[in-house]
Amino acid sequence: MAEQSENAKSTENTPPTTSERWPSGTSHLVVSGPSGSGKSTAGRLVATALGRVWVEGDAFHTVENRNKMAAGTPLTDEDRAPWLKRLAGELHRLGELGLPAVLACSALKRSYRDTLRSCGYPLTIVQIRVSPEALQQRVAARHAHFMPASLVLGQIALMEPLSDDEHGAAVESTDDPQTTADRIVDALGLH
């Protein structure tokens, strides 16, 4: 009986196998970084250049999460957990259809990226790096976005660099989104 429950535990943690329709050697691409890093703008350009499905992570936030951030209250790990699971579910759904995606998602912590990896399809992470000063200026200059500049420093403090066992790259952001997108494509050798 103990052996059976041990086997059940080991299969619960095993990610599903990829769909037969999934293109060999391909991975979903997660463009990550704090708010204001340019992940959405550059990520959309990368998705277009590579002919991939574009997924805006912010669109998967609940109204409650958006309202909380708009009020200047940082999200907790508990707030983020369902959001990250929805994003992993979307990556799984697209994978089942054989559609590699480019996802813009802050994915600041390793644990957040691990939740995204539960989608069952290969994932490549790109972290966009920007100075704290530039991030605050960019966020303060944005209009009609729920994320205030006051939360940027907290996001920077949460950001964990990619571990050696995580497939991906770090890319410096520029004021020109196309240049940042080109840097992403170059860093990953996706020409």
Protein backbone atom coordinates (compact mmCIF):
# COMPACT_ATOMS: atom_id res chain seq x y z
CA MET A 1 0.00 0.00 0.00
CA ALA A 2 2.83 2.42 0.87
CA GLU A 3 4.50 1.50 -2.42
CA GLN A 4 1.33 2.34 -4.35
CA SER A 5 0.98 5.75 -2.67
CA GLU A 6 4.69 6.46 -3.34
CA ASN A 7 4.13 5.70 -7.05
CA ALA A 8 1.10 7.97 -7.09
CA LYS A 9 3.20 10.79 -5.63
CA SER A 10 5.95 10.39 -8.23
CA THR A 11 3.52 10.50 -11.16
CA GLU A 12 1.75 13.57 -9.76
CA ASN A 13 4.96 15.56 -10.12
CA THR A 14 5.79 14.28 -13.60
CA PRO A 15 4.94 16.85 -16.26
CA PRO A 16 2.78 15.61 -19.12
CA THR A 17 4.49 14.60 -22.32
CA THR A 18 4.41 17.01 -25.20
CA SER A 19 1.83 16.73 -27.95
CA GLU A 20 2.73 14.90 -31.15
CA ARG A 21 1.94 18.14 -32.96
CA TRP A 22 4.61 20.04 -30.99
CA PRO A 23 7.46 21.16 -33.31
CA SER A 24 10.64 19.27 -32.43
CA GLY A 25 13.35 21.38 -30.79
CA THR A 26 10.94 24.26 -30.07
CA SER A 27 10.04 25.85 -26.75
CA HIS A 28 7.60 28.42 -25.51
CA LEU A 29 9.40 31.72 -24.90
CA VAL A 30 8.73 33.71 -21.72
CA VAL A 31 9.85 37.34 -21.89
CA SER A 32 10.18 38.36 -18.26
CA GLY A 33 11.17 41.31 -16.11
CA PRO A 34 9.70 43.95 -13.82
CA SER A 35 6.97 46.31 -14.91
CA GLY A 36 8.39 48.85 -17.34
CA SER A 37 11.14 46.57 -18.65
CA GLY A 38 9.52 46.45 -22.09
CA LYS A 39 8.62 42.77 -21.98
CA SER A 40 5.22 43.27 -23.60
CA THR A 41 6.34 45.59 -26.38
CA ALA A 42 9.54 43.69 -27.21
CA GLY A 43 7.83 40.33 -26.69
CA ARG A 44 5.09 41.20 -29.19
CA LEU A 45 7.77 42.13 -31.73
CA VAL A 46 9.57 38.82 -31.10
CA ALA A 47 6.32 36.87 -31.51
CA THR A 48 5.68 38.60 -34.82
CA ALA A 49 9.25 38.03 -36.05
CA LEU A 50 9.10 34.32 -35.16
CA GLY A 51 5.50 33.76 -36.31
CA ARG A 52 4.39 32.66 -32.84
CA VAL A 53 1.24 33.09 -30.80
CA TRP A 54 1.40 36.20 -28.59
CA VAL A 55 0.20 35.89 -24.96
CA GLU A 56 -0.04 38.98 -22.74
CA GLY A 57 0.31 37.76 -19.16
CA ASP A 58 -1.36 40.85 -17.68
CA ALA A 59 -4.59 39.86 -19.43
CA PHE A 60 -4.78 36.81 -17.15
CA HIS A 61 -4.77 38.81 -13.89
CA THR A 62 -7.98 38.89 -11.92
CA VAL A 63 -9.82 42.17 -11.43
CA GLU A 64 -8.92 41.89 -7.74
CA ASN A 65 -5.19 41.67 -8.53
CA ARG A 66 -5.41 44.62 -10.93
CA ASN A 67 -7.28 46.71 -8.37
CA LYS A 68 -4.81 45.80 -5.66
CA MET A 69 -1.84 46.88 -7.78
CA ALA A 70 -3.61 50.04 -8.94
CA ALA A 71 -4.08 50.95 -5.28
CA GLY A 72 -0.31 50.62 -4.76
CA THR A 73 -0.46 47.31 -2.88
CA PRO A 74 2.07 44.72 -4.02
CA LEU A 75 0.80 41.25 -4.88
CA THR A 76 1.71 38.39 -2.57
CA ASP A 77 2.80 34.94 -3.69
CA GLU A 78 -0.73 33.79 -2.82
CA ASP A 79 -2.17 36.47 -5.13
CA ARG A 80 0.13 35.42 -7.95
CA ALA A 81 -0.30 31.63 -7.65
CA PRO A 82 -3.68 31.32 -9.47
CA TRP A 83 -2.51 33.79 -12.14
CA LEU A 84 0.64 31.77 -12.82
CA LYS A 85 -1.40 28.54 -12.95
CA ARG A 86 -3.76 30.13 -15.52
CA LEU A 87 -0.73 31.12 -17.61
CA ALA A 88 0.72 27.59 -17.37
CA GLY A 89 -2.70 26.28 -18.44
CA GLU A 90 -2.72 28.59 -21.46
CA LEU A 91 0.80 27.46 -22.45
CA HIS A 92 -0.35 23.84 -22.10
CA ARG A 93 -3.44 24.51 -24.23
CA LEU A 94 -1.35 26.11 -26.97
CA GLY A 95 1.17 23.29 -26.74
CA GLU A 96 -1.57 20.73 -27.28
CA LEU A 97 -2.45 22.60 -30.45
CA GLY A 98 1.19 22.55 -31.56
CA LEU A 99 1.48 26.34 -31.26
CA PRO A 100 4.67 27.70 -29.65
CA ALA A 101 4.00 30.99 -27.88
CA VAL A 102 5.75 34.10 -26.68
CA LEU A 103 4.43 35.05 -23.24
CA ALA A 104 5.06 38.36 -21.49
CA CYS A 105 5.11 37.63 -17.77
CA SER A 106 7.12 39.18 -14.95
CA ALA A 107 8.19 35.67 -13.78
CA LEU A 108 10.44 37.35 -11.23
CA LYS A 109 11.14 34.37 -8.95
CA ARG A 110 12.40 30.89 -9.73
CA SER A 111 9.28 29.43 -8.10
CA TYR A 112 7.08 31.48 -10.46
CA ARG A 113 9.03 30.21 -13.46
CA ASP A 114 8.71 26.64 -12.14
CA THR A 115 4.92 27.06 -12.08
CA LEU A 116 5.04 28.13 -15.73
CA ARG A 117 7.19 25.07 -16.50
CA SER A 118 4.35 22.87 -15.23
CA CYS A 119 2.70 23.50 -18.64
CA GLY A 120 4.39 20.31 -19.86
CA TYR A 121 6.17 21.94 -22.80
CA PRO A 122 9.75 23.20 -23.05
CA LEU A 123 10.22 26.77 -21.84
CA THR A 124 12.93 29.33 -22.57
CA ILE A 125 13.10 32.35 -20.29
CA VAL A 126 14.44 35.76 -21.30
CA GLN A 127 14.99 38.24 -18.49
CA ILE A 128 15.01 41.84 -19.58
CA ARG A 129 17.29 43.98 -17.44
CA VAL A 130 16.83 47.71 -16.91
CA SER A 131 18.18 50.07 -14.26
CA PRO A 132 15.79 50.87 -11.37
CA GLU A 133 15.82 54.55 -12.35
CA ALA A 134 14.86 53.83 -15.95
CA LEU A 135 12.10 51.45 -14.82
CA GLN A 136 10.55 54.03 -12.52
CA GLN A 137 10.69 56.69 -15.25
CA ARG A 138 9.09 54.37 -17.79
CA VAL A 139 6.28 53.28 -15.49
CA ALA A 140 5.60 56.85 -14.34
CA ALA A 141 5.30 57.92 -18.01
CA ARG A 142 2.75 55.23 -18.90
CA HIS A 143 -0.92 56.04 -19.20
CA ALA A 144 -3.88 53.73 -18.68
CA HIS A 145 -1.91 50.95 -16.96
CA PHE A 146 -2.84 49.55 -13.58
CA MET A 147 0.75 49.28 -12.27
CA PRO A 148 1.99 52.40 -10.44
CA ALA A 149 5.66 53.41 -10.34
CA SER A 150 5.60 52.97 -6.55
CA LEU A 151 5.58 49.16 -6.96
CA VAL A 152 8.62 48.96 -9.25
CA LEU A 153 11.28 48.81 -6.54
CA GLY A 154 9.46 45.91 -4.88
CA GLN A 155 9.48 44.01 -8.16
CA ILE A 156 13.20 44.65 -8.59
CA ALA A 157 13.82 43.29 -5.08
CA LEU A 158 11.88 40.10 -5.93
CA MET A 159 13.70 39.42 -9.21
CA GLU A 160 15.90 36.32 -9.06
CA PRO A 161 18.44 35.79 -11.83
CA LEU A 162 18.13 32.66 -13.94
CA SER A 163 19.72 29.62 -12.33
CA ASP A 164 22.32 27.60 -14.20
CA ASP A 165 19.75 24.86 -14.88
CA GLU A 166 17.20 27.27 -16.42
CA HIS A 167 17.24 27.51 -20.21
CA GLY A 168 17.35 31.13 -21.27
CA ALA A 169 19.27 34.39 -21.35
CA ALA A 170 19.41 37.85 -19.83
CA VAL A 171 19.15 40.80 -22.22
CA GLU A 172 19.72 44.49 -21.56
CA SER A 173 16.75 46.65 -22.49
CA THR A 174 17.07 49.72 -24.68
CA ASP A 175 14.75 52.66 -25.25
CA ASP A 176 14.03 51.21 -28.69
CA PRO A 177 11.76 48.13 -28.39
CA GLN A 178 12.85 46.78 -31.79
CA THR A 179 16.50 46.80 -30.68
CA THR A 180 15.53 44.95 -27.50
CA ALA A 181 13.54 42.42 -29.55
CA ASP A 182 16.52 41.94 -31.87
CA ARG A 183 18.76 41.36 -28.85
CA ILE A 184 16.37 38.67 -27.60
CA VAL A 185 16.36 36.88 -30.95
CA ASP A 186 20.18 37.16 -31.17
CA ALA A 187 20.76 35.97 -27.58
CA LEU A 188 18.67 32.84 -28.22
CA GLY A 189 19.98 32.19 -31.74
CA LEU A 190 16.46 32.22 -33.18
CA HIS A 191 17.22 33.64 -36.63
